[in-house]
Amino acid sequence: MARFSRFGFVAVDGGSMEPTYAAGDWLLVRWGARAQVGHVVVVERESYPGVFFIKRLVRMDQQGCWVEGDNKNSSTDSRSWGLLNSGEVVGKVLLRYRKAR
C-alpha cells in the first residue's frame, strides 16, 4: 500500500507559542510527519479528539513525548499533562504561511 504525504493548515489560537507564533497565524502542517526534538508539532490529545495544540517537541523516548509551549506563562502542555504517547503527535509544522495582522 502506497503512503502519501498529507498537508494541511491550522490556525493558531492563543498565546502559548509566542513569540514564535501568535494568535491568528496560519501554519502549514505535514500530517503524520516524523518530528525531532526542537520541531514545532501538532498534538491531538486522546482526551480531546478533534482539538489541535501547537507545541514544541522537547524530548522523546520509548516512554513518550514531552511538549511545551514557547510561552511558558501561557501554555498548557506536558508540564501539566505529563508524557504524551507518540500517537498524540499528529503532525509537524513546516512554516507560517500567513502572519496575523
C-alpha atoms as a PDB file:
ATOM      1  CA  MET A   1       0.000   0.000   0.000  1.00  0.00           C
ATOM      2  CA  ALA A   2       1.492   3.330  -1.041  1.00  0.00           C
ATOM      3  CA  ARG A   3       1.527   6.030   1.569  1.00  0.00           C
ATOM      4  CA  PHE A   4       1.204   9.650   0.503  1.00  0.00           C
ATOM      5  CA  SER A   5       2.216  12.731   2.451  1.00  0.00           C
ATOM      6  CA  ARG A   6      -0.685  14.779   3.654  1.00  0.00           C
ATOM      7  CA  PHE A   7      -0.548  18.510   4.128  1.00  0.00           C
ATOM      8  CA  GLY A   8      -2.992  20.825   5.823  1.00  0.00           C
ATOM      9  CA  PHE A   9      -3.388  24.113   7.601  1.00  0.00           C
ATOM     10  CA  VAL A  10      -4.059  25.081  11.190  1.00  0.00           C
ATOM     11  CA  ALA A  11      -4.804  28.463  12.705  1.00  0.00           C
ATOM     12  CA  VAL A  12      -3.070  29.493  15.910  1.00  0.00           C
ATOM     13  CA  ASP A  13      -5.485  30.361  18.699  1.00  0.00           C
ATOM     14  CA  GLY A  14      -3.956  31.643  21.918  1.00  0.00           C
ATOM     15  CA  GLY A  15      -0.566  32.794  23.092  1.00  0.00           C
ATOM     16  CA  SER A  16       1.149  29.566  24.126  1.00  0.00           C
ATOM     17  CA  MET A  17       3.672  29.700  21.258  1.00  0.00           C
ATOM     18  CA  GLU A  18       4.530  33.422  21.389  1.00  0.00           C
ATOM     19  CA  PRO A  19       6.799  34.919  20.206  1.00  0.00           C
ATOM     20  CA  THR A  20       7.291  32.170  17.593  1.00  0.00           C
ATOM     21  CA  TYR A  21       3.639  32.103  16.522  1.00  0.00           C
ATOM     22  CA  ALA A  22       0.777  34.407  17.510  1.00  0.00           C
ATOM     23  CA  ALA A  23      -2.990  34.039  17.570  1.00  0.00           C
ATOM     24  CA  GLY A  24      -4.282  34.434  14.029  1.00  0.00           C
ATOM     25  CA  ASP A  25      -1.198  32.984  12.318  1.00  0.00           C
ATOM     26  CA  TRP A  26      -1.854  30.193   9.818  1.00  0.00           C
ATOM     27  CA  LEU A  27       0.567  27.265   9.686  1.00  0.00           C
ATOM     28  CA  LEU A  28       1.292  24.681   7.016  1.00  0.00           C
ATOM     29  CA  VAL A  29       1.382  21.217   8.610  1.00  0.00           C
ATOM     30  CA  ARG A  30       2.543  17.862   7.349  1.00  0.00           C
ATOM     31  CA  TRP A  31       0.259  15.320   8.989  1.00  0.00           C
ATOM     32  CA  GLY A  32       1.968  12.159  10.178  1.00  0.00           C
ATOM     33  CA  ALA A  33       5.488  13.527   9.602  1.00  0.00           C
ATOM     34  CA  ARG A  34       8.289  12.325  11.829  1.00  0.00           C
ATOM     35  CA  ALA A  35       9.326  15.063  14.206  1.00  0.00           C
ATOM     36  CA  GLN A  36      12.588  15.578  16.018  1.00  0.00           C
ATOM     37  CA  VAL A  37      13.373  17.344  19.249  1.00  0.00           C
ATOM     38  CA  GLY A  38      13.126  21.094  18.669  1.00  0.00           C
ATOM     39  CA  HIS A  39      10.433  20.880  15.985  1.00  0.00           C
ATOM     40  CA  VAL A  40       7.064  22.549  16.427  1.00  0.00           C
ATOM     41  CA  VAL A  41       4.387  19.883  16.292  1.00  0.00           C
ATOM     42  CA  VAL A  42       0.631  19.479  16.277  1.00  0.00           C
ATOM     43  CA  VAL A  43      -0.750  17.499  19.199  1.00  0.00           C
ATOM     44  CA  GLU A  44      -4.179  15.876  19.348  1.00  0.00           C
ATOM     45  CA  ARG A  45      -4.774  14.612  22.869  1.00  0.00           C
ATOM     46  CA  GLU A  46      -6.676  11.340  23.191  1.00  0.00           C
ATOM     47  CA  SER A  47      -8.839  13.049  25.810  1.00  0.00           C
ATOM     48  CA  TYR A  48      -9.651  15.948  23.401  1.00  0.00           C
ATOM     49  CA  PRO A  49     -10.260  14.380  19.966  1.00  0.00           C
ATOM     50  CA  GLY A  50     -10.522  16.935  17.178  1.00  0.00           C
ATOM     51  CA  VAL A  51      -8.740  19.657  19.180  1.00  0.00           C
ATOM     52  CA  PHE A  52      -5.225  20.511  17.999  1.00  0.00           C
ATOM     53  CA  PHE A  53      -2.479  22.060  20.119  1.00  0.00           C
ATOM     54  CA  ILE A  54       0.684  23.647  18.715  1.00  0.00           C
ATOM     55  CA  LYS A  55       3.722  22.862  20.899  1.00  0.00           C
ATOM     56  CA  ARG A  56       7.473  22.381  20.678  1.00  0.00           C
ATOM     57  CA  LEU A  57       8.808  18.826  20.996  1.00  0.00           C
ATOM     58  CA  VAL A  58      11.256  18.992  23.900  1.00  0.00           C
ATOM     59  CA  ARG A  59      12.153  15.331  24.284  1.00  0.00           C
ATOM     60  CA  MET A  60      11.070  11.893  23.169  1.00  0.00           C
ATOM     61  CA  ASP A  61      11.950   8.320  24.031  1.00  0.00           C
ATOM     62  CA  GLN A  62      10.315   4.896  24.311  1.00  0.00           C
ATOM     63  CA  GLN A  63       8.070   6.133  27.129  1.00  0.00           C
ATOM     64  CA  GLY A  64       6.581   9.022  25.154  1.00  0.00           C
ATOM     65  CA  CYS A  65       6.922  12.642  24.062  1.00  0.00           C
ATOM     66  CA  TRP A  66       7.332  15.796  26.145  1.00  0.00           C
ATOM     67  CA  VAL A  67       5.999  19.004  24.581  1.00  0.00           C
ATOM     68  CA  GLU A  68       5.954  22.601  25.802  1.00  0.00           C
ATOM     69  CA  GLY A  69       4.723  25.935  24.551  1.00  0.00           C
ATOM     70  CA  ASP A  70       7.364  28.596  23.887  1.00  0.00           C
ATOM     71  CA  ASN A  71       5.465  30.999  26.160  1.00  0.00           C
ATOM     72  CA  LYS A  72       5.735  29.049  29.400  1.00  0.00           C
ATOM     73  CA  ASN A  73       3.495  31.503  31.292  1.00  0.00           C
ATOM     74  CA  SER A  74       0.587  30.963  28.892  1.00  0.00           C
ATOM     75  CA  SER A  75       0.802  27.301  27.905  1.00  0.00           C
ATOM     76  CA  THR A  76      -0.926  24.125  28.930  1.00  0.00           C
ATOM     77  CA  ASP A  77       1.464  21.362  27.954  1.00  0.00           C
ATOM     78  CA  SER A  78       3.401  18.366  29.292  1.00  0.00           C
ATOM     79  CA  ARG A  79       4.202  20.281  32.458  1.00  0.00           C
ATOM     80  CA  SER A  80       0.550  19.664  33.380  1.00  0.00           C
ATOM     81  CA  TRP A  81      -0.315  16.722  31.059  1.00  0.00           C
ATOM     82  CA  GLY A  82       2.817  14.646  31.606  1.00  0.00           C
ATOM     83  CA  LEU A  83       4.280  12.497  28.850  1.00  0.00           C
ATOM     84  CA  LEU A  84       2.198  12.042  25.710  1.00  0.00           C
ATOM     85  CA  ASN A  85       2.117   8.819  23.797  1.00  0.00           C
ATOM     86  CA  SER A  86       3.802   9.243  20.433  1.00  0.00           C
ATOM     87  CA  GLY A  87       0.477   8.766  18.606  1.00  0.00           C
ATOM     88  CA  GLU A  88      -0.751  12.058  20.048  1.00  0.00           C
ATOM     89  CA  VAL A  89       1.850  13.961  17.998  1.00  0.00           C
ATOM     90  CA  VAL A  90      -0.077  14.032  14.725  1.00  0.00           C
ATOM     91  CA  GLY A  91       1.847  16.498  12.580  1.00  0.00           C
ATOM     92  CA  LYS A  92       4.842  18.749  12.156  1.00  0.00           C
ATOM     93  CA  VAL A  93       4.631  22.475  11.438  1.00  0.00           C
ATOM     94  CA  LEU A  94       6.536  23.301   8.263  1.00  0.00           C
ATOM     95  CA  LEU A  95       6.048  27.047   8.068  1.00  0.00           C
ATOM     96  CA  ARG A  96       3.847  30.003   8.823  1.00  0.00           C
ATOM     97  CA  TYR A  97       2.177  30.942   5.570  1.00  0.00           C
ATOM     98  CA  ARG A  98       0.056  33.822   6.817  1.00  0.00           C
ATOM     99  CA  LYS A  99       1.022  36.028   9.714  1.00  0.00           C
ATOM    100  CA  ALA A 100      -1.638  37.538  11.980  1.00  0.00           C
ATOM    101  CA  ARG A 101      -2.359  41.169  11.271  1.00  0.00           C
END
